[in-house]
Amino acid sequence: VHEWQGLYDPELAAEETSRVTWEIEPQDDGVTKLTLVHDQLEGAPKTAESVAGGWMFVLSGLKTLLETGEPLGG
């Protein structure tokens, strides 16, 4: 669990921090389930809009790296 604040954009940096939780659960056949929850966004409405699709890109890149050993687009 960690705090999140979009310091890369002045409008996002002005908002309250939110919370990101990474849940990692072992599954059958050596598979691991990763669930990402980004919450406590009540004080960060612009952040909520900004990250809505961004986490899918991050998780897709992580999946590619873990499966192939190569970064997404690399």
PDB file of N, CA and C in Angstrom:
ATOM      1  N   VAL A   1       0.867  -1.176   0.000  1.00  0.00           N
ATOM      2  CA  VAL A   1       0.000   0.000   0.000  1.00  0.00           C
ATOM      3  C   VAL A   1       0.900   1.220   0.000  1.00  0.00           C
ATOM      4  N   HIS A   2       0.559   2.182  -0.865  1.00  0.00           N
ATOM      5  CA  HIS A   2       1.309   3.431  -0.875  1.00  0.00           C
ATOM      6  C   HIS A   2       0.402   4.590  -1.275  1.00  0.00           C
ATOM      7  N   GLU A   3       0.828   5.777  -0.934  1.00  0.00           N
ATOM      8  CA  GLU A   3       0.095   6.978  -1.334  1.00  0.00           C
ATOM      9  C   GLU A   3       0.397   7.280  -2.792  1.00  0.00           C
ATOM     10  N   TRP A   4      -0.510   8.026  -3.430  1.00  0.00           N
ATOM     11  CA  TRP A   4      -0.329   8.434  -4.815  1.00  0.00           C
ATOM     12  C   TRP A   4      -0.635   9.921  -4.930  1.00  0.00           C
ATOM     13  N   GLN A   5       0.228  10.616  -5.613  1.00  0.00           N
ATOM     14  CA  GLN A   5      -0.004  12.027  -5.931  1.00  0.00           C
ATOM     15  C   GLN A   5       0.702  12.307  -7.251  1.00  0.00           C
ATOM     16  N   GLY A   6      -0.039  12.846  -8.204  1.00  0.00           N
ATOM     17  CA  GLY A   6       0.503  13.102  -9.534  1.00  0.00           C
ATOM     18  C   GLY A   6       1.356  14.356  -9.574  1.00  0.00           C
ATOM     19  N   LEU A   7       2.596  14.240  -9.152  1.00  0.00           N
ATOM     20  CA  LEU A   7       3.491  15.398  -9.115  1.00  0.00           C
ATOM     21  C   LEU A   7       3.950  15.827 -10.504  1.00  0.00           C
ATOM     22  N   TYR A   8       3.653  15.016 -11.524  1.00  0.00           N
ATOM     23  CA  TYR A   8       4.038  15.332 -12.900  1.00  0.00           C
ATOM     24  C   TYR A   8       3.139  16.401 -13.523  1.00  0.00           C
ATOM     25  N   ASP A   9       2.069  16.786 -12.812  1.00  0.00           N
ATOM     26  CA  ASP A   9       1.132  17.793 -13.319  1.00  0.00           C
ATOM     27  C   ASP A   9       0.758  18.721 -12.162  1.00  0.00           C
ATOM     28  N   PRO A  10       0.899  20.042 -12.328  1.00  0.00           N
ATOM     29  CA  PRO A  10       0.624  20.973 -11.225  1.00  0.00           C
ATOM     30  C   PRO A  10      -0.795  20.875 -10.670  1.00  0.00           C
ATOM     31  N   GLU A  11      -1.797  20.642 -11.534  1.00  0.00           N
ATOM     32  CA  GLU A  11      -3.178  20.525 -11.048  1.00  0.00           C
ATOM     33  C   GLU A  11      -3.351  19.273 -10.189  1.00  0.00           C
ATOM     34  N   LEU A  12      -2.742  18.176 -10.608  1.00  0.00           N
ATOM     35  CA  LEU A  12      -2.838  16.941  -9.831  1.00  0.00           C
ATOM     36  C   LEU A  12      -2.043  17.058  -8.534  1.00  0.00           C
ATOM     37  N   ALA A  13      -0.909  17.717  -8.589  1.00  0.00           N
ATOM     38  CA  ALA A  13      -0.065  17.878  -7.403  1.00  0.00           C
ATOM     39  C   ALA A  13      -0.756  18.700  -6.327  1.00  0.00           C
ATOM     40  N   ALA A  14      -1.703  19.545  -6.737  1.00  0.00           N
ATOM     41  CA  ALA A  14      -2.419  20.383  -5.782  1.00  0.00           C
ATOM     42  C   ALA A  14      -3.519  19.609  -5.045  1.00  0.00           C
ATOM     43  N   GLU A  15      -3.855  18.436  -5.528  1.00  0.00           N
ATOM     44  CA  GLU A  15      -4.910  17.643  -4.899  1.00  0.00           C
ATOM     45  C   GLU A  15      -4.378  16.840  -3.714  1.00  0.00           C
ATOM     46  N   GLU A  16      -5.315  16.306  -2.921  1.00  0.00           N
ATOM     47  CA  GLU A  16      -4.945  15.439  -1.797  1.00  0.00           C
ATOM     48  C   GLU A  16      -4.357  14.129  -2.340  1.00  0.00           C
ATOM     49  N   THR A  17      -3.568  13.456  -1.523  1.00  0.00           N
ATOM     50  CA  THR A  17      -3.043  12.155  -1.938  1.00  0.00           C
ATOM     51  C   THR A  17      -4.165  11.121  -1.928  1.00  0.00           C
ATOM     52  N   SER A  18      -4.001  10.094  -2.736  1.00  0.00           N
ATOM     53  CA  SER A  18      -4.907   8.959  -2.750  1.00  0.00           C
ATOM     54  C   SER A  18      -4.099   7.725  -2.367  1.00  0.00           C
ATOM     55  N   ARG A  19      -4.733   6.565  -2.419  1.00  0.00           N
ATOM     56  CA  ARG A  19      -4.070   5.344  -1.969  1.00  0.00           C
ATOM     57  C   ARG A  19      -4.101   4.283  -3.070  1.00  0.00           C
ATOM     58  N   VAL A  20      -2.971   3.596  -3.238  1.00  0.00           N
ATOM     59  CA  VAL A  20      -2.878   2.476  -4.177  1.00  0.00           C
ATOM     60  C   VAL A  20      -2.518   1.225  -3.373  1.00  0.00           C
ATOM     61  N   THR A  21      -3.316   0.179  -3.549  1.00  0.00           N
ATOM     62  CA  THR A  21      -3.084  -1.095  -2.869  1.00  0.00           C
ATOM     63  C   THR A  21      -2.834  -2.173  -3.918  1.00  0.00           C
ATOM     64  N   TRP A  22      -1.752  -2.902  -3.750  1.00  0.00           N
ATOM     65  CA  TRP A  22      -1.399  -4.025  -4.625  1.00  0.00           C
ATOM     66  C   TRP A  22      -1.688  -5.305  -3.845  1.00  0.00           C
ATOM     67  N   GLU A  23      -2.622  -6.123  -4.340  1.00  0.00           N
ATOM     68  CA  GLU A  23      -2.957  -7.391  -3.693  1.00  0.00           C
ATOM     69  C   GLU A  23      -2.407  -8.519  -4.552  1.00  0.00           C
ATOM     70  N   ILE A  24      -1.558  -9.361  -3.980  1.00  0.00           N
ATOM     71  CA  ILE A  24      -0.909 -10.451  -4.707  1.00  0.00           C
ATOM     72  C   ILE A  24      -1.362 -11.767  -4.077  1.00  0.00           C
ATOM     73  N   GLU A  25      -1.995 -12.625  -4.909  1.00  0.00           N
ATOM     74  CA  GLU A  25      -2.536 -13.883  -4.407  1.00  0.00           C
ATOM     75  C   GLU A  25      -2.074 -15.052  -5.278  1.00  0.00           C
ATOM     76  N   PRO A  26      -1.470 -16.071  -4.678  1.00  0.00           N
ATOM     77  CA  PRO A  26      -1.115 -17.261  -5.462  1.00  0.00           C
ATOM     78  C   PRO A  26      -2.385 -17.996  -5.892  1.00  0.00           C
ATOM     79  N   GLN A  27      -2.360 -18.529  -7.110  1.00  0.00           N
ATOM     80  CA  GLN A  27      -3.469 -19.304  -7.657  1.00  0.00           C
ATOM     81  C   GLN A  27      -2.950 -20.697  -8.008  1.00  0.00           C
ATOM     82  N   ASP A  28      -3.813 -21.517  -8.546  1.00  0.00           N
ATOM     83  CA  ASP A  28      -3.417 -22.865  -8.972  1.00  0.00           C
ATOM     84  C   ASP A  28      -2.431 -22.797 -10.129  1.00  0.00           C
ATOM     85  N   ASP A  29      -1.681 -23.847 -10.331  1.00  0.00           N
ATOM     86  CA  ASP A  29      -0.763 -24.023 -11.463  1.00  0.00           C
ATOM     87  C   ASP A  29       0.341 -22.974 -11.522  1.00  0.00           C
ATOM     88  N   GLY A  30       0.759 -22.450 -10.377  1.00  0.00           N
ATOM     89  CA  GLY A  30       1.870 -21.509 -10.344  1.00  0.00           C
ATOM     90  C   GLY A  30       1.536 -20.120 -10.844  1.00  0.00           C
ATOM     91  N   VAL A  31       0.270 -19.840 -11.050  1.00  0.00           N
ATOM     92  CA  VAL A  31      -0.169 -18.523 -11.508  1.00  0.00           C
ATOM     93  C   VAL A  31      -0.351 -17.617 -10.298  1.00  0.00           C
ATOM     94  N   THR A  32      -0.078 -16.340 -10.471  1.00  0.00           N
ATOM     95  CA  THR A  32      -0.280 -15.354  -9.406  1.00  0.00           C
ATOM     96  C   THR A  32      -1.262 -14.305  -9.884  1.00  0.00           C
ATOM     97  N   LYS A  33      -2.233 -13.992  -9.051  1.00  0.00           N
ATOM     98  CA  LYS A  33      -3.240 -12.971  -9.367  1.00  0.00           C
ATOM     99  C   LYS A  33      -2.814 -11.659  -8.720  1.00  0.00           C
ATOM    100  N   LEU A  34      -2.760 -10.604  -9.520  1.00  0.00           N
ATOM    101  CA  LEU A  34      -2.431  -9.264  -9.033  1.00  0.00           C
ATOM    102  C   LEU A  34      -3.664  -8.385  -9.193  1.00  0.00           C
ATOM    103  N   THR A  35      -4.095  -7.783  -8.104  1.00  0.00           N
ATOM    104  CA  THR A  35      -5.210  -6.851  -8.134  1.00  0.00           C
ATOM    105  C   THR A  35      -4.706  -5.505  -7.640  1.00  0.00           C
ATOM    106  N   LEU A  36      -4.987  -4.456  -8.403  1.00  0.00           N
ATOM    107  CA  LEU A  36      -4.601  -3.111  -8.015  1.00  0.00           C
ATOM    108  C   LEU A  36      -5.868  -2.329  -7.683  1.00  0.00           C
ATOM    109  N   VAL A  37      -5.879  -1.710  -6.506  1.00  0.00           N
ATOM    110  CA  VAL A  37      -7.015  -0.895  -6.090  1.00  0.00           C
ATOM    111  C   VAL A  37      -6.501   0.514  -5.831  1.00  0.00           C
ATOM    112  N   HIS A  38      -7.042   1.497  -6.562  1.00  0.00           N
ATOM    113  CA  HIS A  38      -6.682   2.900  -6.361  1.00  0.00           C
ATOM    114  C   HIS A  38      -7.925   3.577  -5.792  1.00  0.00           C
ATOM    115  N   ASP A  39      -7.850   3.948  -4.507  1.00  0.00           N
ATOM    116  CA  ASP A  39      -9.017   4.527  -3.849  1.00  0.00           C
ATOM    117  C   ASP A  39      -8.637   5.764  -3.035  1.00  0.00           C
ATOM    118  N   GLN A  40      -9.544   6.192  -2.193  1.00  0.00           N
ATOM    119  CA  GLN A  40      -9.414   7.434  -1.419  1.00  0.00           C
ATOM    120  C   GLN A  40      -9.174   8.616  -2.366  1.00  0.00           C
ATOM    121  N   LEU A  41      -9.990   8.664  -3.417  1.00  0.00           N
ATOM    122  CA  LEU A  41      -9.864   9.691  -4.457  1.00  0.00           C
ATOM    123  C   LEU A  41     -10.864  10.835  -4.278  1.00  0.00           C
ATOM    124  N   GLU A  42     -11.559  10.867  -3.147  1.00  0.00           N
ATOM    125  CA  GLU A  42     -12.570  11.901  -2.932  1.00  0.00           C
ATOM    126  C   GLU A  42     -11.983  13.309  -3.026  1.00  0.00           C
ATOM    127  N   GLY A  43     -10.768  13.488  -2.525  1.00  0.00           N
ATOM    128  CA  GLY A  43     -10.113  14.799  -2.564  1.00  0.00           C
ATOM    129  C   GLY A  43      -9.221  14.985  -3.780  1.00  0.00           C
ATOM    130  N   ALA A  44      -9.372  14.089  -4.756  1.00  0.00           N
ATOM    131  CA  ALA A  44      -8.505  14.135  -5.933  1.00  0.00           C
ATOM    132  C   ALA A  44      -9.285  13.786  -7.204  1.00  0.00           C
ATOM    133  N   PRO A  45     -10.317  14.565  -7.531  1.00  0.00           N
ATOM    134  CA  PRO A  45     -11.147  14.222  -8.699  1.00  0.00           C
ATOM    135  C   PRO A  45     -10.398  14.279 -10.032  1.00  0.00           C
ATOM    136  N   LYS A  46      -9.473  15.194 -10.196  1.00  0.00           N
ATOM    137  CA  LYS A  46      -8.705  15.268 -11.447  1.00  0.00           C
ATOM    138  C   LYS A  46      -7.763  14.073 -11.564  1.00  0.00           C
ATOM    139  N   THR A  47      -7.220  13.644 -10.442  1.00  0.00           N
ATOM    140  CA  THR A  47      -6.376  12.449 -10.432  1.00  0.00           C
ATOM    141  C   THR A  47      -7.204  11.234 -10.840  1.00  0.00           C
ATOM    142  N   ALA A  48      -8.414  11.125 -10.309  1.00  0.00           N
ATOM    143  CA  ALA A  48      -9.290   9.994 -10.646  1.00  0.00           C
ATOM    144  C   ALA A  48      -9.516   9.929 -12.150  1.00  0.00           C
ATOM    145  N   GLU A  49      -9.755  11.054 -12.781  1.00  0.00           N
ATOM    146  CA  GLU A  49      -9.938  11.093 -14.237  1.00  0.00           C
ATOM    147  C   GLU A  49      -8.646  10.723 -14.958  1.00  0.00           C
ATOM    148  N   SER A  50      -7.538  11.255 -14.478  1.00  0.00           N
ATOM    149  CA  SER A  50      -6.246  11.080 -15.133  1.00  0.00           C
ATOM    150  C   SER A  50      -5.769   9.633 -15.122  1.00  0.00           C
ATOM    151  N   VAL A  51      -5.959   8.929 -14.021  1.00  0.00           N
ATOM    152  CA  VAL A  51      -5.420   7.572 -13.893  1.00  0.00           C
ATOM    153  C   VAL A  51      -6.406   6.489 -14.315  1.00  0.00           C
ATOM    154  N   ALA A  52      -7.606   6.872 -14.709  1.00  0.00           N
ATOM    155  CA  ALA A  52      -8.656   5.888 -15.023  1.00  0.00           C
ATOM    156  C   ALA A  52      -8.169   4.822 -16.003  1.00  0.00           C
ATOM    157  N   GLY A  53      -7.508   5.205 -17.073  1.00  0.00           N
ATOM    158  CA  GLY A  53      -7.015   4.225 -18.032  1.00  0.00           C
ATOM    159  C   GLY A  53      -5.540   3.923 -17.883  1.00  0.00           C
ATOM    160  N   GLY A  54      -4.855   4.727 -17.100  1.00  0.00           N
ATOM    161  CA  GLY A  54      -3.405   4.582 -16.981  1.00  0.00           C
ATOM    162  C   GLY A  54      -2.947   3.324 -16.298  1.00  0.00           C
ATOM    163  N   TRP A  55      -3.681   2.876 -15.299  1.00  0.00           N
ATOM    164  CA  TRP A  55      -3.249   1.670 -14.583  1.00  0.00           C
ATOM    165  C   TRP A  55      -3.304   0.443 -15.480  1.00  0.00           C
ATOM    166  N   MET A  56      -4.266   0.402 -16.417  1.00  0.00           N
ATOM    167  CA  MET A  56      -4.326  -0.742 -17.334  1.00  0.00           C
ATOM    168  C   MET A  56      -3.056  -0.806 -18.189  1.00  0.00           C
ATOM    169  N   PHE A  57      -2.533   0.343 -18.589  1.00  0.00           N
ATOM    170  CA  PHE A  57      -1.296   0.388 -19.363  1.00  0.00           C
ATOM    171  C   PHE A  57      -0.116  -0.116 -18.525  1.00  0.00           C
ATOM    172  N   VAL A  58      -0.059   0.328 -17.273  1.00  0.00           N
ATOM    173  CA  VAL A  58       1.017  -0.107 -16.369  1.00  0.00           C
ATOM    174  C   VAL A  58       0.947  -1.618 -16.139  1.00  0.00           C
ATOM    175  N   LEU A  59      -0.244  -2.124 -15.865  1.00  0.00           N
ATOM    176  CA  LEU A  59      -0.396  -3.555 -15.597  1.00  0.00           C
ATOM    177  C   LEU A  59      -0.119  -4.395 -16.849  1.00  0.00           C
ATOM    178  N   SER A  60      -0.513  -3.891 -18.003  1.00  0.00           N
ATOM    179  CA  SER A  60      -0.226  -4.595 -19.247  1.00  0.00           C
ATOM    180  C   SER A  60       1.280  -4.682 -19.477  1.00  0.00           C
ATOM    181  N   GLY A  61       1.974  -3.580 -19.233  1.00  0.00           N
ATOM    182  CA  GLY A  61       3.428  -3.577 -19.373  1.00  0.00           C
ATOM    183  C   GLY A  61       4.104  -4.519 -18.398  1.00  0.00           C
ATOM    184  N   LEU A  62       3.611  -4.580 -17.166  1.00  0.00           N
ATOM    185  CA  LEU A  62       4.160  -5.495 -16.167  1.00  0.00           C
ATOM    186  C   LEU A  62       3.938  -6.944 -16.592  1.00  0.00           C
ATOM    187  N   LYS A  63       2.748  -7.247 -17.095  1.00  0.00           N
ATOM    188  CA  LYS A  63       2.437  -8.598 -17.569  1.00  0.00           C
ATOM    189  C   LYS A  63       3.387  -9.001 -18.701  1.00  0.00           C
ATOM    190  N   THR A  64       3.574  -8.097 -19.649  1.00  0.00           N
ATOM    191  CA  THR A  64       4.475  -8.380 -20.775  1.00  0.00           C
ATOM    192  C   THR A  64       5.895  -8.642 -20.281  1.00  0.00           C
ATOM    193  N   LEU A  65       6.376  -7.809 -19.374  1.00  0.00           N
ATOM    194  CA  LEU A  65       7.719  -7.987 -18.831  1.00  0.00           C
ATOM    195  C   LEU A  65       7.868  -9.338 -18.134  1.00  0.00           C
ATOM    196  N   LEU A  66       6.893  -9.699 -17.316  1.00  0.00           N
ATOM    197  CA  LEU A  66       6.969 -10.957 -16.576  1.00  0.00           C
ATOM    198  C   LEU A  66       6.878 -12.174 -17.489  1.00  0.00           C
ATOM    199  N   GLU A  67       6.080 -12.072 -18.550  1.00  0.00           N
ATOM    200  CA  GLU A  67       5.905 -13.211 -19.443  1.00  0.00           C
ATOM    201  C   GLU A  67       7.032 -13.381 -20.458  1.00  0.00           C
ATOM    202  N   THR A  68       7.627 -12.279 -20.883  1.00  0.00           N
ATOM    203  CA  THR A  68       8.615 -12.354 -21.972  1.00  0.00           C
ATOM    204  C   THR A  68      10.023 -11.959 -21.558  1.00  0.00           C
ATOM    205  N   GLY A  69      10.137 -11.260 -20.441  1.00  0.00           N
ATOM    206  CA  GLY A  69      11.443 -10.746 -20.038  1.00  0.00           C
ATOM    207  C   GLY A  69      11.812  -9.456 -20.747  1.00  0.00           C
ATOM    208  N   GLU A  70      10.918  -8.997 -21.630  1.00  0.00           N
ATOM    209  CA  GLU A  70      11.152  -7.764 -22.392  1.00  0.00           C
ATOM    210  C   GLU A  70      10.109  -6.717 -22.008  1.00  0.00           C
ATOM    211  N   PRO A  71      10.515  -5.449 -21.875  1.00  0.00           N
ATOM    212  CA  PRO A  71       9.543  -4.403 -21.578  1.00  0.00           C
ATOM    213  C   PRO A  71       8.589  -4.186 -22.744  1.00  0.00           C
ATOM    214  N   LEU A  72       7.403  -3.702 -22.449  1.00  0.00           N
ATOM    215  CA  LEU A  72       6.404  -3.392 -23.465  1.00  0.00           C
ATOM    216  C   LEU A  72       6.981  -2.381 -24.446  1.00  0.00           C
ATOM    217  N   GLY A  73       6.878  -2.677 -25.727  1.00  0.00           N
ATOM    218  CA  GLY A  73       7.395  -1.772 -26.734  1.00  0.00           C
ATOM    219  C   GLY A  73       8.900  -1.848 -26.912  1.00  0.00           C
ATOM    220  N   GLY A  74       9.549  -2.770 -26.214  1.00  0.00           N
ATOM    221  CA  GLY A  74      10.992  -2.852 -26.288  1.00  0.00           C
ATOM    222  C   GLY A  74      11.421  -3.993 -27.112  1.00  0.00           C
TER     223      GLY A  74
END
